[in-house]
Amino acid sequence: MNNLSNSEKAAAIQNSIETNTLLETGLLHPTRYKQHNPNVATGRQAILDLHAQMPHEKIYTNVVRAFQDGDYGFVHVDYYLFEPTVAFDIHRFEEGISVEHWDNLQPTPKERNPAGRTMTDGKTKATDHHKTAANKEIITRFTEDVLIPQNWNEIHTYFSNDLLIQHHPYLGDGVAAYVTAMQEWKANGQPLEYKQLHLVLGEGNFVLALSEAYWQGKHTAVYDLYRVEENKIVEHWDVFETIPPIEDRKNTNGKF
């Protein structure tokens, strides 16, 4: 499989869960596979053991989006693992083999959001590959200048009027709806507080930002995927996962 791109390799690894062929792909390093999912021990054997426990009569994997950024391949996936699940999976490759993995998983909502959207529908193909670096910088600035300080007065710098196609499971479309929700959550004592941006990956007009946050008082990893058009954010997907306390983690590699 060394002729595959890093996005194709990341997709192949995740698709192998359904076919139970992870070992056969040869895409996980046998001794250096570093795991950042805190609920799984590090190393290739741990992930093989986890797959063996899954209900294979129910499992499906649908890689909806697949992108790459240098040594990284990252995918947006609709799963049935132990339950219906939406996830982002990231692999870092060396010499064509994954040596490091991050993910964020969230149970699939039973209903569509107020705009009638799911967590995974919408545009899937990257364009404007020559703008990758510029689009990553836009999302970096948006996260650090607006989301972390909750500086809502600056939010319209990053959008065209109220245009925002929203896939968050609780929100409808529009910038105003997003800001209102953030303010209401805070007023109700259940704020979404972004604390630190850890990694930004992109391909063309799609950019994935990995942030550490607190959501309803819980230590949370937030993966935000944005689609950027003409230097403005136009579409947004996300996945939230609570980070377990250190004593409950199965590896010491850190969520990020």
Protein backbone atom coordinates (compact mmCIF):
# COMPACT_ATOMS: atom_id res chain seq x y z
CA MET A 1 0.00 0.00 0.00
CA ASN A 2 3.00 2.31 -0.19
CA ASN A 3 1.65 3.77 -3.44
CA LEU A 4 -1.29 5.29 -1.55
CA SER A 5 -1.40 8.90 -0.39
CA ASN A 6 -1.44 9.62 3.34
CA SER A 7 -5.16 10.46 3.18
CA GLU A 8 -5.83 7.13 1.45
CA LYS A 9 -3.73 5.27 4.02
CA ALA A 10 -5.60 6.90 6.91
CA ALA A 11 -8.88 5.90 5.29
CA ALA A 12 -7.63 2.35 4.69
CA ILE A 13 -6.64 1.95 8.35
CA GLN A 14 -10.05 3.04 9.58
CA ASN A 15 -11.92 1.02 6.94
CA SER A 16 -10.05 -2.09 8.05
CA ILE A 17 -12.05 -2.04 11.29
CA GLU A 18 -15.13 -3.16 9.36
CA THR A 19 -13.30 -5.82 7.37
CA ASN A 20 -11.22 -6.93 10.38
CA THR A 21 -8.06 -6.67 8.26
CA LEU A 22 -5.99 -4.11 10.17
CA LEU A 23 -2.95 -6.36 10.49
CA GLU A 24 -3.10 -7.28 6.82
CA THR A 25 -2.87 -3.65 5.72
CA GLY A 26 0.65 -3.40 7.16
CA LEU A 27 0.00 0.30 7.83
CA LEU A 28 0.62 0.36 11.61
CA HIS A 29 4.20 0.24 12.83
CA PRO A 30 4.72 -3.01 14.79
CA THR A 31 6.82 -1.47 17.57
CA ARG A 32 6.50 2.33 17.39
CA TYR A 33 2.74 2.91 17.12
CA LYS A 34 2.00 5.68 19.65
CA GLN A 35 -1.59 5.95 20.80
CA HIS A 36 -3.20 9.21 21.99
CA ASN A 37 -6.69 7.83 22.59
CA PRO A 38 -6.65 7.79 26.42
CA ASN A 39 -9.02 4.83 26.52
CA VAL A 40 -6.65 2.55 24.61
CA ALA A 41 -3.18 1.36 25.59
CA THR A 42 -0.32 2.42 23.35
CA GLY A 43 1.09 0.08 20.72
CA ARG A 44 -0.28 -1.86 17.76
CA GLN A 45 -1.34 -4.92 19.74
CA ALA A 46 -3.64 -2.86 21.97
CA ILE A 47 -5.64 -1.62 18.99
CA LEU A 48 -5.82 -5.13 17.56
CA ASP A 49 -7.11 -6.38 20.91
CA LEU A 50 -9.73 -3.63 20.98
CA HIS A 51 -10.94 -4.50 17.50
CA ALA A 52 -11.30 -8.13 18.57
CA GLN A 53 -13.76 -7.03 21.27
CA MET A 54 -16.04 -5.12 18.90
CA PRO A 55 -19.41 -6.53 17.74
CA HIS A 56 -18.33 -7.33 14.19
CA GLU A 57 -21.82 -8.32 13.11
CA LYS A 58 -22.80 -4.64 13.62
CA ILE A 59 -19.61 -2.73 12.74
CA TYR A 60 -19.49 -0.38 9.78
CA THR A 61 -17.04 2.33 8.80
CA ASN A 62 -17.91 5.09 6.38
CA VAL A 63 -15.03 7.47 5.75
CA VAL A 64 -16.88 10.60 4.68
CA ARG A 65 -13.84 12.89 4.26
CA ALA A 66 -10.15 12.15 3.88
CA PHE A 67 -7.38 14.75 3.77
CA GLN A 68 -3.63 15.00 4.19
CA ASP A 69 -1.17 17.58 5.43
CA GLY A 70 2.47 16.57 5.02
CA ASP A 71 3.12 13.45 7.11
CA TYR A 72 -0.46 13.49 8.45
CA GLY A 73 -3.55 11.81 7.06
CA PHE A 74 -6.85 12.68 8.72
CA VAL A 75 -10.36 11.39 8.17
CA HIS A 76 -13.93 12.22 9.22
CA VAL A 77 -15.79 8.97 9.84
CA ASP A 78 -19.34 7.75 10.43
CA TYR A 79 -18.94 4.53 12.45
CA TYR A 80 -20.69 1.78 14.27
CA LEU A 81 -18.07 0.63 16.77
CA PHE A 82 -19.71 -0.24 20.08
CA GLU A 83 -22.52 2.19 19.15
CA PRO A 84 -23.19 4.67 16.32
CA THR A 85 -20.29 7.10 16.49
CA VAL A 86 -18.89 10.13 14.64
CA ALA A 87 -15.13 10.58 14.79
CA PHE A 88 -12.05 12.28 13.48
CA ASP A 89 -8.97 10.05 13.21
CA ILE A 90 -5.47 11.37 12.55
CA HIS A 91 -2.40 9.32 11.63
CA ARG A 92 1.17 10.51 11.36
CA PHE A 93 3.23 8.48 8.91
CA GLU A 94 6.93 7.77 8.71
CA GLU A 95 8.27 5.83 5.75
CA GLY A 96 4.70 5.08 4.70
CA ILE A 97 3.57 3.55 8.01
CA SER A 98 1.51 5.07 10.81
CA VAL A 99 3.60 5.68 13.92
CA GLU A 100 1.17 7.90 15.82
CA HIS A 101 -2.62 8.21 16.15
CA TRP A 102 -5.06 10.74 17.59
CA ASP A 103 -8.85 10.64 17.52
CA ASN A 104 -11.99 12.22 18.90
CA LEU A 105 -15.25 10.29 19.13
CA GLN A 106 -18.83 11.29 19.91
CA PRO A 107 -22.06 9.24 19.92
CA THR A 108 -24.14 9.92 16.82
CA PRO A 109 -27.19 12.04 17.62
CA LYS A 110 -30.52 10.35 17.02
CA GLU A 111 -31.95 13.49 15.41
CA ARG A 112 -30.70 16.08 12.94
CA ASN A 113 -29.74 19.53 14.17
CA PRO A 114 -32.14 22.53 13.97
CA ALA A 115 -30.97 23.19 10.39
CA GLY A 116 -31.80 19.61 9.40
CA ARG A 117 -28.16 18.59 9.09
CA THR A 118 -26.20 15.61 10.38
CA MET A 119 -22.72 15.69 11.90
CA THR A 120 -21.17 14.40 8.66
CA ASP A 121 -23.18 15.59 5.65
CA GLY A 122 -22.13 18.50 3.46
CA LYS A 123 -19.17 19.14 1.17
CA THR A 124 -16.44 16.50 1.12
CA LYS A 125 -13.78 17.36 -1.48
CA ALA A 126 -10.91 19.79 -0.93
CA THR A 127 -10.28 22.60 -3.40
CA ASP A 128 -7.89 25.57 -3.44
CA HIS A 129 -4.87 23.48 -2.52
CA HIS A 130 -2.64 26.48 -3.10
CA LYS A 131 -4.38 28.21 -0.16
CA THR A 132 -3.73 25.51 2.45
CA ALA A 133 -1.25 27.55 4.49
CA ALA A 134 -3.37 30.71 4.32
CA ASN A 135 -6.53 28.86 5.35
CA LYS A 136 -4.74 27.22 8.27
CA GLU A 137 -3.63 30.66 9.41
CA ILE A 138 -7.24 31.93 9.24
CA ILE A 139 -8.43 29.12 11.50
CA THR A 140 -5.49 29.58 13.86
CA ARG A 141 -6.32 33.27 14.24
CA PHE A 142 -10.05 32.57 14.61
CA THR A 143 -9.42 30.09 17.42
CA GLU A 144 -6.83 32.19 19.26
CA ASP A 145 -8.35 35.64 18.69
CA VAL A 146 -12.08 34.83 18.95
CA LEU A 147 -12.84 31.45 20.51
CA ILE A 148 -10.29 31.33 23.33
CA PRO A 149 -10.88 34.92 24.59
CA GLN A 150 -14.59 34.78 23.58
CA ASN A 151 -14.08 38.01 21.68
CA TRP A 152 -17.39 37.94 19.81
CA ASN A 153 -16.96 41.50 18.55
CA GLU A 154 -14.30 40.18 16.15
CA ILE A 155 -16.19 37.15 14.88
CA HIS A 156 -17.53 38.79 11.70
CA THR A 157 -13.96 39.27 10.50
CA TYR A 158 -14.02 35.56 9.73
CA PHE A 159 -17.46 35.22 8.10
CA SER A 160 -19.40 36.73 5.25
CA ASN A 161 -22.40 38.35 6.95
CA ASP A 162 -24.40 35.60 8.72
CA LEU A 163 -23.37 32.75 6.41
CA LEU A 164 -22.44 29.61 8.35
CA ILE A 165 -23.52 26.12 7.35
CA GLN A 166 -23.62 24.41 10.72
CA HIS A 167 -23.29 20.69 11.54
CA HIS A 168 -23.01 21.00 15.32
CA PRO A 169 -25.78 18.70 16.62
CA TYR A 170 -27.49 21.37 18.76
CA LEU A 171 -27.20 24.45 16.55
CA GLY A 172 -28.88 25.85 13.47
CA ASP A 173 -27.22 27.73 10.63
CA GLY A 174 -25.78 31.21 10.94
CA VAL A 175 -23.13 33.15 12.82
CA ALA A 176 -25.71 34.85 15.03
CA ALA A 177 -27.12 31.49 16.15
CA TYR A 178 -23.63 30.32 17.06
CA VAL A 179 -22.77 33.41 19.11
CA THR A 180 -26.18 33.38 20.83
CA ALA A 181 -25.72 29.75 21.84
CA MET A 182 -22.24 30.40 23.23
CA GLN A 183 -23.55 33.31 25.27
CA GLU A 184 -26.59 31.38 26.52
CA TRP A 185 -24.48 28.40 27.56
CA LYS A 186 -22.26 30.73 29.56
CA ALA A 187 -25.23 32.52 31.15
CA ASN A 188 -26.70 29.15 32.15
CA GLY A 189 -23.47 28.11 33.87
CA GLN A 190 -22.56 25.51 31.22
CA PRO A 191 -20.07 27.39 29.04
CA LEU A 192 -17.92 26.09 26.22
CA GLU A 193 -14.50 27.50 27.11
CA TYR A 194 -11.66 27.03 24.65
CA LYS A 195 -8.34 27.00 26.51
CA GLN A 196 -5.57 26.00 24.09
CA LEU A 197 -5.12 25.26 20.41
CA HIS A 198 -2.86 22.22 20.04
CA LEU A 199 -2.73 21.35 16.33
CA VAL A 200 -4.02 22.69 13.02
CA LEU A 201 -4.09 20.48 9.92
CA GLY A 202 -5.39 21.40 6.51
CA GLU A 203 -5.76 20.47 2.89
CA GLY A 204 -6.92 23.24 0.59
CA ASN A 205 -10.15 24.77 1.87
CA PHE A 206 -10.66 22.24 4.71
CA VAL A 207 -8.94 22.88 8.05
CA LEU A 208 -9.08 20.78 11.23
CA ALA A 209 -8.28 22.42 14.58
CA LEU A 210 -7.61 20.39 17.74
CA SER A 211 -8.39 22.35 20.89
CA GLU A 212 -8.42 21.71 24.61
CA ALA A 213 -11.54 23.07 26.27
CA TYR A 214 -14.01 22.83 29.12
CA TRP A 215 -17.61 22.02 28.16
CA GLN A 216 -20.26 22.09 30.87
CA GLY A 217 -17.43 21.97 33.40
CA LYS A 218 -15.81 18.85 31.90
CA HIS A 219 -12.29 18.70 30.50
CA THR A 220 -12.97 18.21 26.79
CA ALA A 221 -11.19 17.75 23.48
CA VAL A 222 -12.86 19.64 20.64
CA TYR A 223 -12.02 18.86 17.03
CA ASP A 224 -13.39 21.58 14.73
CA LEU A 225 -13.41 21.10 10.96
CA TYR A 226 -13.95 24.21 8.85
CA ARG A 227 -14.51 24.80 5.16
CA VAL A 228 -13.10 28.13 4.00
CA GLU A 229 -14.11 29.96 0.84
CA GLU A 230 -12.53 33.25 -0.29
CA ASN A 231 -10.87 33.73 3.11
CA LYS A 232 -14.12 33.29 5.05
CA ILE A 233 -15.43 30.36 7.08
CA VAL A 234 -18.57 28.97 5.43
CA GLU A 235 -19.12 25.52 6.97
CA HIS A 236 -18.37 23.87 10.31
CA TRP A 237 -18.34 20.35 11.75
CA ASP A 238 -17.15 19.30 15.22
CA VAL A 239 -16.68 16.37 17.56
CA PHE A 240 -16.52 16.67 21.36
CA GLU A 241 -15.04 14.06 23.71
CA THR A 242 -14.55 14.25 27.46
CA ILE A 243 -10.92 13.72 28.51
CA PRO A 244 -10.66 11.22 31.37
CA PRO A 245 -8.57 12.06 34.46
CA ILE A 246 -4.95 10.93 34.40
CA GLU A 247 -5.56 8.00 36.73
CA ASP A 248 -8.17 6.55 34.34
CA ARG A 249 -6.09 6.77 31.16
CA LYS A 250 -4.65 3.66 29.56
CA ASN A 251 -1.58 5.40 28.20
CA THR A 252 0.61 8.32 29.24
CA ASN A 253 0.94 9.93 25.79
CA GLY A 254 -1.61 12.70 26.35
CA LYS A 255 -4.78 13.40 24.42
CA PHE A 256 -3.04 15.95 22.19
